[in-house]
Amino acid sequence: IYYIIIISLSCFYQKQDFVNILNIITDHLVFNIFIIKNI
């Protein structure tokens, strides 16, 4: 799901903004993985 979002966002945002979005998404992924591991 996240990869699809990244691909779709890359079509609308410039490269610099896309990098920022990638950072936000990866942080979100790490946070989700952390929660899953805790559960």
PDB file of N, CA and C in Angstrom:
ATOM      1  N   ILE A   1       0.844  -1.201   0.000  1.00  0.00           N
ATOM      2  CA  ILE A   1       0.000   0.000   0.000  1.00  0.00           C
ATOM      3  C   ILE A   1       0.886   1.260   0.000  1.00  0.00           C
ATOM      4  N   TYR A   2       1.920   1.267   0.811  1.00  0.00           N
ATOM      5  CA  TYR A   2       2.785   2.433   0.917  1.00  0.00           C
ATOM      6  C   TYR A   2       3.523   2.694  -0.393  1.00  0.00           C
ATOM      7  N   TYR A   3       3.918   1.606  -1.072  1.00  0.00           N
ATOM      8  CA  TYR A   3       4.642   1.766  -2.326  1.00  0.00           C
ATOM      9  C   TYR A   3       3.748   2.387  -3.390  1.00  0.00           C
ATOM     10  N   ILE A   4       2.481   2.007  -3.389  1.00  0.00           N
ATOM     11  CA  ILE A   4       1.521   2.575  -4.331  1.00  0.00           C
ATOM     12  C   ILE A   4       1.340   4.068  -4.053  1.00  0.00           C
ATOM     13  N   ILE A   5       1.286   4.421  -2.783  1.00  0.00           N
ATOM     14  CA  ILE A   5       1.143   5.829  -2.400  1.00  0.00           C
ATOM     15  C   ILE A   5       2.369   6.619  -2.849  1.00  0.00           C
ATOM     16  N   ILE A   6       3.554   6.041  -2.659  1.00  0.00           N
ATOM     17  CA  ILE A   6       4.791   6.707  -3.060  1.00  0.00           C
ATOM     18  C   ILE A   6       4.804   6.933  -4.570  1.00  0.00           C
ATOM     19  N   ILE A   7       4.415   5.930  -5.317  1.00  0.00           N
ATOM     20  CA  ILE A   7       4.398   6.038  -6.772  1.00  0.00           C
ATOM     21  C   ILE A   7       3.400   7.103  -7.219  1.00  0.00           C
ATOM     22  N   SER A   8       2.241   7.119  -6.607  1.00  0.00           N
ATOM     23  CA  SER A   8       1.215   8.086  -6.983  1.00  0.00           C
ATOM     24  C   SER A   8       1.641   9.507  -6.618  1.00  0.00           C
ATOM     25  N   LEU A   9       2.288   9.657  -5.468  1.00  0.00           N
ATOM     26  CA  LEU A   9       2.725  10.981  -5.039  1.00  0.00           C
ATOM     27  C   LEU A   9       3.847  11.499  -5.934  1.00  0.00           C
ATOM     28  N   SER A  10       4.674  10.607  -6.430  1.00  0.00           N
ATOM     29  CA  SER A  10       5.811  11.009  -7.254  1.00  0.00           C
ATOM     30  C   SER A  10       5.345  11.654  -8.557  1.00  0.00           C
ATOM     31  N   CYS A  11       4.101  11.400  -8.939  1.00  0.00           N
ATOM     32  CA  CYS A  11       3.566  11.960 -10.174  1.00  0.00           C
ATOM     33  C   CYS A  11       3.112  13.407  -9.971  1.00  0.00           C
ATOM     34  N   PHE A  12       2.889  13.811  -8.731  1.00  0.00           N
ATOM     35  CA  PHE A  12       2.309  15.124  -8.462  1.00  0.00           C
ATOM     36  C   PHE A  12       3.292  16.097  -7.808  1.00  0.00           C
ATOM     37  N   TYR A  13       4.329  15.558  -7.180  1.00  0.00           N
ATOM     38  CA  TYR A  13       5.239  16.430  -6.450  1.00  0.00           C
ATOM     39  C   TYR A  13       6.604  16.489  -7.120  1.00  0.00           C
ATOM     40  N   GLN A  14       7.295  17.587  -6.897  1.00  0.00           N
ATOM     41  CA  GLN A  14       8.649  17.705  -7.417  1.00  0.00           C
ATOM     42  C   GLN A  14       9.586  16.814  -6.610  1.00  0.00           C
ATOM     43  N   LYS A  15      10.815  16.682  -7.082  1.00  0.00           N
ATOM     44  CA  LYS A  15      11.748  15.746  -6.460  1.00  0.00           C
ATOM     45  C   LYS A  15      12.042  16.111  -5.007  1.00  0.00           C
ATOM     46  N   GLN A  16      12.228  17.381  -4.737  1.00  0.00           N
ATOM     47  CA  GLN A  16      12.554  17.789  -3.365  1.00  0.00           C
ATOM     48  C   GLN A  16      11.400  17.479  -2.424  1.00  0.00           C
ATOM     49  N   ASP A  17      10.197  17.808  -2.858  1.00  0.00           N
ATOM     50  CA  ASP A  17       9.022  17.518  -2.037  1.00  0.00           C
ATOM     51  C   ASP A  17       8.852  16.014  -1.896  1.00  0.00           C
ATOM     52  N   PHE A  18       9.171  15.295  -2.968  1.00  0.00           N
ATOM     53  CA  PHE A  18       9.023  13.843  -2.956  1.00  0.00           C
ATOM     54  C   PHE A  18       9.957  13.217  -1.924  1.00  0.00           C
ATOM     55  N   VAL A  19      11.146  13.760  -1.801  1.00  0.00           N
ATOM     56  CA  VAL A  19      12.097  13.252  -0.808  1.00  0.00           C
ATOM     57  C   VAL A  19      11.555  13.474   0.600  1.00  0.00           C
ATOM     58  N   ASN A  20      10.972  14.639   0.825  1.00  0.00           N
ATOM     59  CA  ASN A  20      10.393  14.931   2.138  1.00  0.00           C
ATOM     60  C   ASN A  20       9.246  13.983   2.446  1.00  0.00           C
ATOM     61  N   ILE A  21       8.445  13.701   1.427  1.00  0.00           N
ATOM     62  CA  ILE A  21       7.324  12.779   1.606  1.00  0.00           C
ATOM     63  C   ILE A  21       7.843  11.380   1.907  1.00  0.00           C
ATOM     64  N   LEU A  22       8.909  10.986   1.219  1.00  0.00           N
ATOM     65  CA  LEU A  22       9.507   9.667   1.464  1.00  0.00           C
ATOM     66  C   LEU A  22       9.968   9.573   2.911  1.00  0.00           C
ATOM     67  N   ASN A  23      10.584  10.627   3.403  1.00  0.00           N
ATOM     68  CA  ASN A  23      11.057  10.637   4.788  1.00  0.00           C
ATOM     69  C   ASN A  23       9.893  10.493   5.757  1.00  0.00           C
ATOM     70  N   ILE A  24       8.813  11.181   5.476  1.00  0.00           N
ATOM     71  CA  ILE A  24       7.633  11.110   6.344  1.00  0.00           C
ATOM     72  C   ILE A  24       7.029   9.710   6.310  1.00  0.00           C
ATOM     73  N   ILE A  25       6.931   9.152   5.101  1.00  0.00           N
ATOM     74  CA  ILE A  25       6.331   7.823   4.960  1.00  0.00           C
ATOM     75  C   ILE A  25       7.202   6.762   5.625  1.00  0.00           C
ATOM     76  N   THR A  26       8.514   6.855   5.447  1.00  0.00           N
ATOM     77  CA  THR A  26       9.408   5.869   6.051  1.00  0.00           C
ATOM     78  C   THR A  26       9.360   5.966   7.570  1.00  0.00           C
ATOM     79  N   ASP A  27       9.258   7.188   8.092  1.00  0.00           N
ATOM     80  CA  ASP A  27       9.119   7.364   9.542  1.00  0.00           C
ATOM     81  C   ASP A  27       7.818   6.730  10.014  1.00  0.00           C
ATOM     82  N   HIS A  28       6.785   6.882   9.223  1.00  0.00           N
ATOM     83  CA  HIS A  28       5.484   6.305   9.557  1.00  0.00           C
ATOM     84  C   HIS A  28       5.567   4.784   9.523  1.00  0.00           C
ATOM     85  N   LEU A  29       6.295   4.253   8.553  1.00  0.00           N
ATOM     86  CA  LEU A  29       6.456   2.802   8.438  1.00  0.00           C
ATOM     87  C   LEU A  29       7.208   2.256   9.642  1.00  0.00           C
ATOM     88  N   VAL A  30       8.274   2.935  10.028  1.00  0.00           N
ATOM     89  CA  VAL A  30       9.066   2.501  11.177  1.00  0.00           C
ATOM     90  C   VAL A  30       8.206   2.518  12.434  1.00  0.00           C
ATOM     91  N   PHE A  31       7.371   3.536  12.557  1.00  0.00           N
ATOM     92  CA  PHE A  31       6.488   3.666  13.711  1.00  0.00           C
ATOM     93  C   PHE A  31       5.483   2.517  13.740  1.00  0.00           C
ATOM     94  N   ASN A  32       4.937   2.170  12.569  1.00  0.00           N
ATOM     95  CA  ASN A  32       3.979   1.074  12.483  1.00  0.00           C
ATOM     96  C   ASN A  32       4.641  -0.257  12.818  1.00  0.00           C
ATOM     97  N   ILE A  33       5.841  -0.468  12.307  1.00  0.00           N
ATOM     98  CA  ILE A  33       6.570  -1.707  12.583  1.00  0.00           C
ATOM     99  C   ILE A  33       6.860  -1.811  14.079  1.00  0.00           C
ATOM    100  N   PHE A  34       7.200  -0.694  14.699  1.00  0.00           N
ATOM    101  CA  PHE A  34       7.496  -0.659  16.125  1.00  0.00           C
ATOM    102  C   PHE A  34       6.262  -1.056  16.929  1.00  0.00           C
ATOM    103  N   ILE A  35       5.109  -0.557  16.523  1.00  0.00           N
ATOM    104  CA  ILE A  35       3.859  -0.888  17.211  1.00  0.00           C
ATOM    105  C   ILE A  35       3.534  -2.369  17.033  1.00  0.00           C
ATOM    106  N   ILE A  36       3.704  -2.859  15.814  1.00  0.00           N
ATOM    107  CA  ILE A  36       3.408  -4.269  15.537  1.00  0.00           C
ATOM    108  C   ILE A  36       4.304  -5.174  16.381  1.00  0.00           C
ATOM    109  N   LYS A  37       5.565  -4.813  16.508  1.00  0.00           N
ATOM    110  CA  LYS A  37       6.495  -5.616  17.305  1.00  0.00           C
ATOM    111  C   LYS A  37       6.105  -5.588  18.780  1.00  0.00           C
ATOM    112  N   ASN A  38       5.643  -4.449  19.240  1.00  0.00           N
ATOM    113  CA  ASN A  38       5.233  -4.338  20.639  1.00  0.00           C
ATOM    114  C   ASN A  38       3.995  -5.177  20.913  1.00  0.00           C
ATOM    115  N   ILE A  39       3.088  -5.224  19.949  1.00  0.00           N
ATOM    116  CA  ILE A  39       1.875  -6.023  20.119  1.00  0.00           C
ATOM    117  C   ILE A  39       2.256  -7.501  20.072  1.00  0.00           C
TER     118      ILE A  39
END
